[in-house]
């Protein structure tokens, strides 16, 4: 029986994780859940899964929430993440927090010998170098939940690292793959949130529309698989059937295929290196009308190029890029800027803020804080 904590249990990944865990009551026990402010859903989750703790990071209006649910203790504030990770028996942390907020819990879990099933790609985007250092130092394991990185992991199991020629990350292209870039200024929030293949949270859905999500995944792949940036390629694959591929030095290519359902990579992360039966729908090749592939247009989707450039620069450049993107996406969702302003804000930030080396978490955190404050000041 594995003890599971889910940080971000009311989001898309968290809900799907609980759907997986529900199928294996003899293998997984939920000991902690967290949400920002979705009181109603986490209350229902707590009643069903009976964790020892739930954490509500938003402290406002906590008087309206019960302090006790059966035998579950209700805790308020982000500071409880560290306390729970240090003092509760947890075998696996599913980190599905949104944005930069996921980095610190990832590091704390690694240092406390807790296996991390990572859906928070920003952890590796901003702190990949530190995380890899701690994984080696504490002899720990991090397994990706992102479908693309799960696909790559499944392709390279049993292979020697020096036989890998390149990684090929697939991208759906989002809702604006065939939209003229001259019309991007007119894109509405509802249009950008209408992803053709995946049901996800608002932030990642906007990132998918700008292709920043794929840029983040490129940086994530660099650190996860310790492979040079010039060996990571992105191709557009609108059907989202092939989740990623690996090319080997002999010209062979392995691909992982499946329906676009996040429960599959979540289950693999929880059971790795083993596999268990999947009780959900499976891919039927006879239903596939065709598989198509295109080169991404970096002039049209500038965020993808900005991510490659930030990764090449290194140091705190990815942190600057990520902070600028998170604020820009939030401003767009609040209809304070237009869609095209997202890459503009990121590009401006990368040319404005100093880029420094990273020695510890504080270097990353301080950079993130400064970038956010300055952008918010400009657009307040």
Protein backbone atom coordinates (compact mmCIF):
# COMPACT_ATOMS: atom_id res chain seq x y z
CA UNK A 1 0.00 0.00 0.00
CA UNK A 2 1.47 3.34 -1.11
CA UNK A 3 0.62 6.54 0.74
CA UNK A 4 -0.21 9.33 -1.72
CA UNK A 5 -0.33 13.11 -1.28
CA UNK A 6 -1.88 15.22 -4.03
CA UNK A 7 -1.03 18.92 -4.05
CA UNK A 8 -3.60 20.53 -6.32
CA UNK A 9 -6.25 17.82 -5.97
CA UNK A 10 -9.15 19.93 -7.28
CA UNK A 11 -7.49 20.75 -10.61
CA UNK A 12 -7.67 18.63 -13.74
CA UNK A 13 -4.63 16.47 -12.89
CA UNK A 14 -5.70 16.10 -9.27
CA UNK A 15 -9.21 14.98 -10.20
CA UNK A 16 -7.85 12.50 -12.75
CA UNK A 17 -5.33 11.20 -10.20
CA UNK A 18 -8.14 10.43 -7.79
CA UNK A 19 -10.03 8.72 -10.62
CA UNK A 20 -7.00 6.44 -11.06
CA UNK A 21 -6.55 5.82 -7.33
CA UNK A 22 -10.25 4.96 -6.98
CA UNK A 23 -9.62 1.91 -9.21
CA UNK A 24 -6.88 0.55 -6.94
CA UNK A 25 -8.05 0.80 -3.31
CA UNK A 26 -5.75 -2.05 -2.28
CA UNK A 27 -2.65 -0.30 -3.68
CA UNK A 28 -3.01 3.40 -2.87
CA UNK A 29 -4.11 5.35 0.18
CA UNK A 30 -4.64 9.12 0.01
CA UNK A 31 -3.11 10.83 3.06
CA UNK A 32 -3.20 14.50 2.00
CA UNK A 33 -5.09 16.66 -0.49
CA UNK A 34 -4.78 20.37 -1.23
CA UNK A 35 -6.61 23.15 -3.03
CA UNK A 36 -6.34 26.89 -3.33
CA UNK A 37 -9.99 27.73 -2.71
CA UNK A 38 -12.24 25.06 -4.23
CA UNK A 39 -13.84 24.29 -0.87
CA UNK A 40 -16.81 22.39 -2.23
CA UNK A 41 -14.83 19.90 -4.32
CA UNK A 42 -12.13 19.18 -1.76
CA UNK A 43 -14.84 18.63 0.85
CA UNK A 44 -16.36 15.92 -1.38
CA UNK A 45 -12.92 14.44 -2.06
CA UNK A 46 -12.14 14.32 1.65
CA UNK A 47 -15.44 12.58 2.42
CA UNK A 48 -14.70 9.87 -0.15
CA UNK A 49 -10.95 9.30 0.27
CA UNK A 50 -10.64 10.14 3.99
CA UNK A 51 -7.13 11.65 4.00
CA UNK A 52 -5.40 12.53 7.25
CA UNK A 53 -5.05 16.14 6.13
CA UNK A 54 -6.34 18.63 3.61
CA UNK A 55 -4.52 21.90 2.97
CA UNK A 56 -6.32 25.02 1.75
CA UNK A 57 -3.70 27.52 0.64
CA UNK A 58 -6.06 30.49 0.40
CA UNK A 59 -6.59 31.62 3.99
CA UNK A 60 -9.40 34.07 3.23
CA UNK A 61 -12.94 33.11 4.25
CA UNK A 62 -11.69 30.01 6.05
CA UNK A 63 -14.27 30.61 8.75
CA UNK A 64 -16.86 29.29 6.28
CA UNK A 65 -15.09 25.96 6.03
CA UNK A 66 -15.31 23.18 8.58
CA UNK A 67 -12.14 22.69 10.59
CA UNK A 68 -12.77 18.95 10.76
CA UNK A 69 -14.21 16.49 8.21
CA UNK A 70 -14.71 13.13 9.89
CA UNK A 71 -11.13 12.32 10.97
CA UNK A 72 -9.49 14.66 8.44
CA UNK A 73 -7.66 17.68 9.80
CA UNK A 74 -8.13 20.89 7.80
CA UNK A 75 -5.07 23.16 7.56
CA UNK A 76 -4.89 26.66 6.09
CA UNK A 77 -1.85 28.17 4.34
CA UNK A 78 0.99 27.12 2.02
CA UNK A 79 3.35 26.74 4.97
CA UNK A 80 1.70 23.40 5.74
CA UNK A 81 3.15 21.84 2.58
CA UNK A 82 6.58 21.63 4.19
CA UNK A 83 5.22 20.47 7.54
CA UNK A 84 3.23 17.63 5.97
CA UNK A 85 6.05 16.53 3.66
CA UNK A 86 8.52 16.41 6.54
CA UNK A 87 6.34 14.76 9.18
CA UNK A 88 3.85 12.50 7.40
CA UNK A 89 4.55 9.07 5.92
CA UNK A 90 4.18 9.75 2.19
CA UNK A 91 5.51 7.45 -0.51
CA UNK A 92 4.51 9.50 -3.57
CA UNK A 93 3.73 13.19 -3.98
CA UNK A 94 1.60 14.04 -7.02
CA UNK A 95 2.56 17.67 -7.58
CA UNK A 96 -0.11 19.24 -9.78
CA UNK A 97 0.17 22.75 -8.41
CA UNK A 98 -0.08 25.53 -10.98
CA UNK A 99 3.00 27.52 -11.97
CA UNK A 100 6.09 28.50 -10.00
CA UNK A 101 4.34 27.68 -6.71
CA UNK A 102 5.13 24.02 -7.36
CA UNK A 103 8.91 24.31 -7.21
CA UNK A 104 9.42 24.54 -3.45
CA UNK A 105 7.23 21.50 -2.59
CA UNK A 106 9.07 19.49 -5.27
CA UNK A 107 12.43 20.28 -3.67
CA UNK A 108 11.16 19.58 -0.14
CA UNK A 109 9.71 16.22 -1.22
CA UNK A 110 12.96 15.18 -2.89
CA UNK A 111 14.97 16.08 0.21
CA UNK A 112 12.60 14.01 2.34
CA UNK A 113 13.00 10.91 0.15
CA UNK A 114 9.45 11.15 -1.23
CA UNK A 115 9.06 10.01 -4.84
CA UNK A 116 7.63 12.84 -6.96
CA UNK A 117 5.07 12.27 -9.71
CA UNK A 118 5.42 15.63 -11.41
CA UNK A 119 2.72 17.46 -13.34
CA UNK A 120 4.09 20.88 -12.39
CA UNK A 121 6.42 21.49 -15.33
CA UNK A 122 7.46 24.91 -13.97
CA UNK A 123 9.45 23.11 -11.26
CA UNK A 124 11.91 21.87 -13.87
CA UNK A 125 11.67 24.94 -16.09
CA UNK A 126 12.87 27.24 -13.31
CA UNK A 127 14.78 24.85 -11.05
CA UNK A 128 15.82 21.91 -13.23
CA UNK A 129 19.50 22.21 -12.42
CA UNK A 130 18.84 22.29 -8.66
CA UNK A 131 16.32 19.46 -8.83
CA UNK A 132 18.72 17.17 -10.69
CA UNK A 133 21.40 17.96 -8.13
CA UNK A 134 19.07 17.06 -5.25
CA UNK A 135 17.79 13.90 -6.97
CA UNK A 136 21.37 12.62 -7.13
CA UNK A 137 22.28 13.85 -3.64
CA UNK A 138 19.23 12.23 -1.99
CA UNK A 139 19.12 9.20 -4.31
CA UNK A 140 15.52 9.96 -5.17
CA UNK A 141 13.23 9.56 -8.16
CA UNK A 142 11.04 11.95 -10.15
CA UNK A 143 8.55 10.54 -12.65
CA UNK A 144 6.83 12.83 -15.17
CA UNK A 145 3.05 12.98 -15.51
CA UNK A 146 2.97 15.18 -18.61
CA UNK A 147 1.83 12.92 -21.44
CA UNK A 148 4.78 13.89 -23.65
CA UNK A 149 7.44 13.16 -21.05
CA UNK A 150 5.69 10.01 -19.90
CA UNK A 151 5.76 8.91 -23.54
CA UNK A 152 9.50 9.56 -23.79
CA UNK A 153 10.15 7.70 -20.54
CA UNK A 154 8.22 4.71 -21.84
CA UNK A 155 10.23 4.81 -25.09
CA UNK A 156 13.65 4.87 -23.42
CA UNK A 157 13.10 2.24 -20.71
CA UNK A 158 15.77 -0.41 -21.28
CA UNK A 159 17.74 1.76 -23.72
CA UNK A 160 21.27 3.10 -23.22
CA UNK A 161 21.45 6.91 -22.99
CA UNK A 162 24.24 7.13 -25.58
CA UNK A 163 22.00 5.46 -28.20
CA UNK A 164 19.47 8.30 -28.17
CA UNK A 165 19.75 10.56 -31.21
CA UNK A 166 16.93 12.99 -30.39
CA UNK A 167 13.64 13.45 -28.57
CA UNK A 168 10.57 14.43 -30.59
CA UNK A 169 7.85 16.19 -28.61
CA UNK A 170 4.45 16.36 -30.29
CA UNK A 171 2.14 19.35 -29.96
CA UNK A 172 -1.52 19.52 -30.96
CA UNK A 173 -1.06 23.07 -32.21
CA UNK A 174 -3.90 24.26 -29.99
CA UNK A 175 -7.05 26.06 -31.13
CA UNK A 176 -5.23 28.53 -33.42
CA UNK A 177 -3.12 26.20 -35.53
CA UNK A 178 -4.95 27.25 -38.70
CA UNK A 179 -5.80 30.80 -37.70
CA UNK A 180 -4.04 33.66 -39.48
CA UNK A 181 -1.61 35.38 -37.13
CA UNK A 182 -2.89 38.75 -38.38
CA UNK A 183 -6.09 37.95 -36.47
CA UNK A 184 -4.39 37.08 -33.18
CA UNK A 185 -5.20 40.49 -31.70
CA UNK A 186 -8.89 39.64 -31.93
CA UNK A 187 -8.66 36.32 -30.07
CA UNK A 188 -11.04 36.17 -27.12
CA UNK A 189 -10.52 34.40 -23.80
CA UNK A 190 -13.31 31.91 -24.55
CA UNK A 191 -11.72 31.06 -27.92
CA UNK A 192 -8.31 30.52 -26.32
CA UNK A 193 -9.81 28.26 -23.65
CA UNK A 194 -11.44 26.03 -26.26
CA UNK A 195 -8.73 23.39 -26.74
CA UNK A 196 -9.56 20.88 -29.49
CA UNK A 197 -8.27 17.75 -27.71
CA UNK A 198 -7.62 18.18 -23.99
CA UNK A 199 -9.67 19.32 -21.00
CA UNK A 200 -7.25 21.21 -18.73
CA UNK A 201 -7.03 24.13 -16.33
CA UNK A 202 -7.18 27.70 -17.64
CA UNK A 203 -3.48 28.50 -17.36
CA UNK A 204 -2.18 25.44 -19.19
CA UNK A 205 -4.93 25.79 -21.82
CA UNK A 206 -3.78 29.33 -22.65
CA UNK A 207 -0.17 28.09 -22.69
CA UNK A 208 -1.25 25.47 -25.21
CA UNK A 209 -2.87 28.15 -27.36
CA UNK A 210 0.38 30.19 -27.45
CA UNK A 211 2.57 27.02 -27.67
CA UNK A 212 4.36 28.22 -24.54
CA UNK A 213 3.26 24.93 -23.00
CA UNK A 214 5.41 23.13 -25.55
CA UNK A 215 8.28 25.52 -24.84
CA UNK A 216 8.06 24.70 -21.16
CA UNK A 217 8.02 21.01 -22.03
CA UNK A 218 11.19 21.38 -24.12
CA UNK A 219 13.02 22.80 -21.09
CA UNK A 220 11.46 20.16 -18.86
CA UNK A 221 12.67 17.40 -21.21
CA UNK A 222 16.21 18.80 -21.18
CA UNK A 223 16.43 18.36 -17.40
CA UNK A 224 14.35 15.20 -17.07
CA UNK A 225 16.36 13.23 -19.59
CA UNK A 226 19.63 15.20 -19.36
CA UNK A 227 19.85 15.67 -23.10
CA UNK A 228 21.19 18.71 -25.01
CA UNK A 229 18.66 21.26 -26.21
CA UNK A 230 19.65 20.81 -29.86
CA UNK A 231 18.52 17.18 -29.61
CA UNK A 232 14.95 18.11 -28.64
CA UNK A 233 12.56 18.70 -31.54
CA UNK A 234 8.94 19.82 -31.58
CA UNK A 235 6.49 18.79 -34.29
CA UNK A 236 2.81 19.63 -34.63
CA UNK A 237 0.54 16.58 -34.51
CA UNK A 238 -3.09 17.79 -34.33
CA UNK A 239 -4.62 14.40 -33.51
CA UNK A 240 -2.73 14.02 -30.17
CA UNK A 241 -2.49 10.26 -30.69
CA UNK A 242 1.31 10.01 -30.74
CA UNK A 243 2.34 11.63 -27.48
CA UNK A 244 6.07 11.78 -28.24
CA UNK A 245 8.84 9.86 -29.96
CA UNK A 246 12.50 8.98 -29.52
CA UNK A 247 14.91 8.59 -32.41
CA UNK A 248 17.94 6.34 -31.89
CA UNK A 249 21.36 6.43 -33.51
CA UNK A 250 20.53 3.50 -35.81
CA UNK A 251 17.60 5.41 -37.31
CA UNK A 252 14.91 3.52 -35.38
CA UNK A 253 12.12 5.58 -33.84
CA UNK A 254 9.98 4.54 -30.90
CA UNK A 255 6.64 6.22 -30.35
CA UNK A 256 4.10 6.00 -27.52
CA UNK A 257 0.49 6.15 -28.70
CA UNK A 258 -2.79 6.36 -26.85
CA UNK A 259 -6.04 8.28 -26.65
CA UNK A 260 -5.69 11.81 -25.20
CA UNK A 261 -6.50 10.82 -21.61
CA UNK A 262 -4.31 12.04 -18.73
CA UNK A 263 -5.30 9.07 -16.58
CA UNK A 264 -2.89 6.92 -18.62
CA UNK A 265 0.35 8.83 -17.80
CA UNK A 266 -0.86 9.44 -14.22
CA UNK A 267 -1.32 5.71 -13.68
CA UNK A 268 2.08 4.97 -15.23
CA UNK A 269 3.74 7.50 -12.90
CA UNK A 270 2.10 5.91 -9.86
CA UNK A 271 2.98 2.32 -10.83
CA UNK A 272 6.35 2.86 -12.58
CA UNK A 273 8.19 0.70 -13.54
CA UNK A 274 5.23 -1.69 -13.41
CA UNK A 275 1.98 -1.55 -15.38
CA UNK A 276 -1.54 -2.25 -14.15
CA UNK A 277 -4.79 -2.74 -16.10
CA UNK A 278 -6.43 0.45 -17.35
CA UNK A 279 -10.18 0.47 -16.91
CA UNK A 280 -10.76 3.38 -19.31
CA UNK A 281 -11.12 3.61 -23.09
CA UNK A 282 -8.28 2.36 -25.26
CA UNK A 283 -6.99 3.34 -28.68
CA UNK A 284 -8.61 1.61 -31.66
CA UNK A 285 -6.49 2.03 -34.80
CA UNK A 286 -9.52 1.46 -37.01
CA UNK A 287 -11.05 4.65 -35.61
CA UNK A 288 -8.07 6.79 -36.67
CA UNK A 289 -8.77 8.71 -39.87
CA UNK A 290 -5.18 9.86 -40.28
CA UNK A 291 -2.06 11.08 -38.50
CA UNK A 292 -0.61 14.40 -39.63
CA UNK A 293 2.60 16.23 -38.80
CA UNK A 294 3.78 19.81 -39.38
CA UNK A 295 6.71 22.00 -38.55
CA UNK A 296 5.80 24.65 -35.93
CA UNK A 297 5.69 28.23 -37.17
CA UNK A 298 7.99 30.10 -34.78
CA UNK A 299 7.02 33.49 -36.17
CA UNK A 300 3.37 32.79 -35.55
CA UNK A 301 3.91 31.12 -32.17
CA UNK A 302 6.69 33.27 -30.74
CA UNK A 303 6.43 31.79 -27.25
CA UNK A 304 7.96 28.51 -28.40
CA UNK A 305 11.03 30.30 -29.78
CA UNK A 306 11.30 32.45 -26.63
CA UNK A 307 11.40 29.26 -24.55
CA UNK A 308 14.19 27.77 -26.68
CA UNK A 309 16.13 31.04 -26.43
CA UNK A 310 15.70 31.28 -22.64
CA UNK A 311 16.88 27.70 -22.23
CA UNK A 312 19.96 28.38 -24.37
CA UNK A 313 20.79 31.44 -22.28
CA UNK A 314 20.42 29.50 -19.02
CA UNK A 315 20.77 30.83 -15.50
CA UNK A 316 17.67 32.72 -14.40
CA UNK A 317 16.46 33.35 -17.97
CA UNK A 318 13.88 30.52 -17.85
CA UNK A 319 12.66 31.87 -14.48
CA UNK A 320 12.21 35.35 -15.98
CA UNK A 321 10.41 33.86 -18.97
CA UNK A 322 8.16 31.73 -16.77
CA UNK A 323 7.25 34.54 -14.36
CA UNK A 324 6.48 36.89 -17.25
CA UNK A 325 4.35 34.24 -18.91
CA UNK A 326 2.36 33.45 -15.76
CA UNK A 327 1.54 37.13 -15.20
CA UNK A 328 0.80 37.76 -18.88
CA UNK A 329 -1.56 34.77 -19.06
CA UNK A 330 -3.37 35.96 -15.94
CA UNK A 331 -3.71 39.47 -17.41
CA UNK A 332 -5.12 37.98 -20.62
CA UNK A 333 -7.60 35.82 -18.70
CA UNK A 334 -8.74 38.98 -16.90
CA UNK A 335 -9.06 40.70 -20.31
CA UNK A 336 -6.50 43.38 -19.43
CA UNK A 337 -4.24 42.61 -22.42
CA UNK A 338 -4.78 41.00 -25.82
CA UNK A 339 -3.49 37.60 -26.90
CA UNK A 340 -0.51 38.98 -28.83
CA UNK A 341 0.67 40.87 -25.76
CA UNK A 342 1.61 37.61 -24.02
CA UNK A 343 4.81 37.01 -26.07
CA UNK A 344 5.47 40.78 -26.11
CA UNK A 345 5.60 40.87 -22.29
CA UNK A 346 7.83 37.79 -22.16
CA UNK A 347 10.25 39.13 -24.77
CA UNK A 348 10.42 42.51 -23.06
CA UNK A 349 11.11 40.87 -19.70
CA UNK A 350 13.94 38.73 -21.06
CA UNK A 351 15.64 41.83 -22.45
CA UNK A 352 14.98 43.98 -19.37
CA UNK A 353 15.78 41.92 -16.28
CA UNK A 354 19.35 40.84 -15.42
CA UNK A 355 20.13 37.15 -15.96
CA UNK A 356 22.14 35.57 -13.16
CA UNK A 357 23.57 32.19 -12.24
CA UNK A 358 21.58 29.90 -9.95
CA UNK A 359 23.16 28.63 -6.74
CA UNK A 360 20.12 27.92 -4.57
CA UNK A 361 16.33 28.22 -4.37
CA UNK A 362 16.54 31.83 -3.18
CA UNK A 363 18.19 32.90 -6.45
CA UNK A 364 15.20 31.56 -8.37
CA UNK A 365 12.59 32.81 -5.91
CA UNK A 366 13.98 36.35 -5.78
CA UNK A 367 14.12 36.61 -9.58
CA UNK A 368 10.55 35.34 -9.86
CA UNK A 369 9.33 37.86 -7.28
CA UNK A 370 11.03 40.86 -8.93
CA UNK A 371 9.72 40.04 -12.41
CA UNK A 372 6.16 39.59 -11.18
CA UNK A 373 6.17 42.80 -9.15
CA UNK A 374 7.51 44.92 -12.01
CA UNK A 375 5.09 43.60 -14.62
CA UNK A 376 2.11 43.95 -12.29
CA UNK A 377 3.19 47.49 -11.44
CA UNK A 378 3.29 48.35 -15.14
CA UNK A 379 -0.16 46.94 -15.86
CA UNK A 380 -1.94 47.92 -12.63
